[in-house]
Amino acid sequence: MKLLKYITAIAGIVLFFSTCKKYPQGGFQNQAKKHILGNWTLTLYEVDGIDSTELINYNGNNRYKEISFLKHHNKDSEMIIQGRAKSGKAEFKNKNSEIEFYSLEPPLYCVNNYCDKNYVVPEGNYYQKWKIQKLTKNDLSLVAIAKRQYVLKFKRK
């Protein structure tokens, strides 16, 4: 009888961990909505394998690296995004394995001759789908493949 309880407990633990989907580089999909909320700092903007982080810094101000994900008051899977040249909405899709960004700002946002690139929608439109590679309490990594391949990496601020 003890052996049966032991086997049942082990099988339950294995079943529990095998049903929790993980991102390719770390983090659990069932915790995505909890982990993404808050303030983040861009650490890498890569285009076709080339680190282009500093190339999108048009005016020497590092505020372009800051982005915030805020909970949308009505919808569970939608968030409001805020940042320099990056306001709009983001929404989890495909069982939390992807994020779709809908931007209210143009891809290149200029005010008084200071310009910022909207890196969440990099190819000149107001929409981009990103595949989540990693989402933990402190790290976020996204990949988008369009005309070019883009990688965004963030650290919790």
Protein backbone atom coordinates (compact mmCIF):
# COMPACT_ATOMS: atom_id res chain seq x y z
CA MET A 1 0.00 0.00 0.00
CA LYS A 2 2.87 2.37 0.81
CA LEU A 3 4.44 1.54 -2.54
CA LEU A 4 1.19 2.42 -4.34
CA LYS A 5 1.01 5.82 -2.56
CA TYR A 6 4.66 6.46 -3.39
CA ILE A 7 4.16 5.63 -7.08
CA THR A 8 1.00 7.74 -7.24
CA ALA A 9 2.81 10.72 -5.67
CA ILE A 10 5.73 10.43 -8.11
CA ALA A 11 3.37 10.09 -11.07
CA GLY A 12 1.45 13.18 -9.91
CA ILE A 13 4.62 15.24 -9.63
CA VAL A 14 5.84 14.14 -13.06
CA LEU A 15 2.43 14.88 -14.59
CA PHE A 16 2.33 18.31 -12.95
CA PHE A 17 5.72 19.37 -14.31
CA SER A 18 5.17 17.87 -17.75
CA THR A 19 1.97 19.90 -18.26
CA CYS A 20 3.64 23.23 -17.43
CA LYS A 21 4.78 24.63 -20.76
CA LYS A 22 8.12 26.41 -20.74
CA TYR A 23 9.63 28.98 -23.05
CA PRO A 24 12.67 27.82 -25.07
CA GLN A 25 15.14 29.86 -22.97
CA GLY A 26 13.31 29.75 -19.62
CA GLY A 27 10.18 30.69 -17.74
CA PHE A 28 6.73 29.14 -17.55
CA GLN A 29 3.94 30.19 -19.91
CA ASN A 30 1.30 29.95 -17.18
CA GLN A 31 3.06 32.78 -15.27
CA ALA A 32 3.51 35.08 -18.28
CA LYS A 33 0.79 37.58 -17.38
CA LYS A 34 2.16 37.96 -13.88
CA HIS A 35 5.81 38.26 -14.88
CA ILE A 36 5.52 40.75 -17.73
CA LEU A 37 3.80 43.54 -15.81
CA GLY A 38 6.08 46.36 -14.69
CA ASN A 39 9.02 48.39 -15.91
CA TRP A 40 11.72 46.97 -18.19
CA THR A 41 14.98 48.20 -19.72
CA LEU A 42 16.11 47.17 -23.20
CA THR A 43 19.50 45.41 -23.11
CA LEU A 44 19.65 44.16 -26.71
CA TYR A 45 18.10 45.18 -30.03
CA GLU A 46 19.43 42.81 -32.66
CA VAL A 47 18.70 42.93 -36.40
CA ASP A 48 19.74 39.92 -38.51
CA GLY A 49 22.26 38.88 -35.85
CA ILE A 50 23.84 42.34 -35.48
CA ASP A 51 23.66 44.17 -32.15
CA SER A 52 21.96 47.44 -33.13
CA THR A 53 21.06 48.67 -29.64
CA GLU A 54 23.10 51.86 -29.76
CA LEU A 55 22.19 52.56 -33.40
CA ILE A 56 18.61 53.35 -32.43
CA ASN A 57 19.74 55.90 -29.83
CA TYR A 58 19.25 59.02 -31.93
CA ASN A 59 19.78 61.71 -29.33
CA GLY A 60 22.09 60.27 -26.66
CA ASN A 61 19.28 59.84 -24.14
CA ASN A 62 18.91 56.29 -22.79
CA ARG A 63 15.20 56.73 -22.04
CA TYR A 64 14.46 55.01 -25.35
CA LYS A 65 15.41 51.75 -23.61
CA GLU A 66 12.60 52.02 -21.04
CA ILE A 67 9.25 50.32 -21.54
CA SER A 68 6.38 49.53 -19.19
CA PHE A 69 3.69 46.88 -19.40
CA LEU A 70 0.58 47.86 -17.48
CA LYS A 71 -2.51 45.76 -16.85
CA HIS A 72 -5.47 46.69 -19.00
CA HIS A 73 -8.38 47.35 -16.64
CA ASN A 74 -10.91 45.24 -18.56
CA LYS A 75 -9.07 42.46 -20.33
CA ASP A 76 -7.02 39.63 -18.92
CA SER A 77 -4.70 39.02 -21.87
CA GLU A 78 -4.23 42.67 -22.94
CA MET A 79 -1.71 45.15 -21.57
CA ILE A 80 -1.03 48.79 -22.17
CA ILE A 81 2.54 49.58 -23.21
CA GLN A 82 4.20 52.88 -22.43
CA GLY A 83 7.60 54.23 -23.26
CA ARG A 84 9.33 56.79 -25.36
CA ALA A 85 7.88 56.33 -28.88
CA LYS A 86 6.19 53.09 -27.82
CA SER A 87 2.67 53.67 -26.60
CA GLY A 88 -0.10 51.28 -27.54
CA LYS A 89 -1.28 47.86 -26.53
CA ALA A 90 0.17 44.38 -26.29
CA GLU A 91 -1.74 41.12 -26.16
CA PHE A 92 -0.75 37.55 -25.40
CA LYS A 93 -1.64 35.05 -28.12
CA ASN A 94 -1.26 31.33 -28.82
CA LYS A 95 -1.41 30.17 -25.17
CA ASN A 96 0.98 32.89 -23.99
CA SER A 97 3.72 31.87 -26.44
CA GLU A 98 3.48 35.11 -28.47
CA ILE A 99 2.88 38.81 -27.91
CA GLU A 100 1.25 41.06 -30.49
CA PHE A 101 2.09 44.76 -30.31
CA TYR A 102 -0.30 47.38 -31.65
CA SER A 103 1.42 50.75 -31.64
CA LEU A 104 -0.15 54.19 -31.51
CA GLU A 105 3.17 55.76 -32.50
CA PRO A 106 4.85 55.72 -35.94
CA PRO A 107 8.00 53.61 -36.41
CA LEU A 108 10.15 56.75 -36.19
CA TYR A 109 8.79 59.28 -33.72
CA CYS A 110 10.27 62.79 -33.86
CA VAL A 111 9.62 65.81 -31.66
CA ASN A 112 11.69 69.02 -31.92
CA ASN A 113 14.33 67.27 -34.06
CA TYR A 114 14.77 64.46 -31.53
CA CYS A 115 13.80 61.09 -32.95
CA ASP A 116 13.24 57.68 -31.40
CA LYS A 117 12.73 54.35 -33.15
CA ASN A 118 9.70 52.36 -32.15
CA TYR A 119 11.51 49.03 -31.83
CA VAL A 120 8.41 47.01 -30.88
CA VAL A 121 7.06 47.55 -34.42
CA PRO A 122 10.33 47.82 -36.37
CA GLU A 123 9.25 47.50 -40.01
CA GLY A 124 7.22 50.59 -40.60
CA ASN A 125 3.79 49.38 -39.63
CA TYR A 126 1.78 49.70 -36.46
CA TYR A 127 1.65 45.97 -35.68
CA GLN A 128 4.21 43.24 -34.95
CA LYS A 129 3.94 39.69 -33.60
CA TRP A 130 6.80 38.49 -31.36
CA LYS A 131 7.58 34.94 -30.23
CA ILE A 132 8.51 34.78 -26.55
CA GLN A 133 11.83 33.01 -26.01
CA LYS A 134 12.18 33.76 -22.31
CA LEU A 135 9.94 35.36 -19.71
CA THR A 136 10.92 35.16 -16.07
CA LYS A 137 10.52 37.59 -13.20
CA ASN A 138 13.65 39.48 -14.34
CA ASP A 139 14.24 38.63 -18.01
CA LEU A 140 12.25 38.99 -21.23
CA SER A 141 13.48 37.85 -24.65
CA LEU A 142 11.46 38.19 -27.87
CA VAL A 143 12.06 37.19 -31.50
CA ALA A 144 10.22 38.46 -34.59
CA ILE A 145 10.76 37.32 -38.12
CA ALA A 146 9.48 39.61 -40.85
CA LYS A 147 11.61 41.04 -43.68
CA ARG A 148 14.45 40.78 -41.16
CA GLN A 149 14.93 38.85 -37.94
CA TYR A 150 14.70 40.92 -34.76
CA VAL A 151 15.64 40.07 -31.19
CA LEU A 152 14.66 42.17 -28.18
CA LYS A 153 16.02 41.46 -24.70
CA PHE A 154 14.95 43.26 -21.56
CA LYS A 155 15.88 43.25 -17.87
CA ARG A 156 13.49 44.17 -15.08
CA LYS A 157 14.12 47.72 -13.98
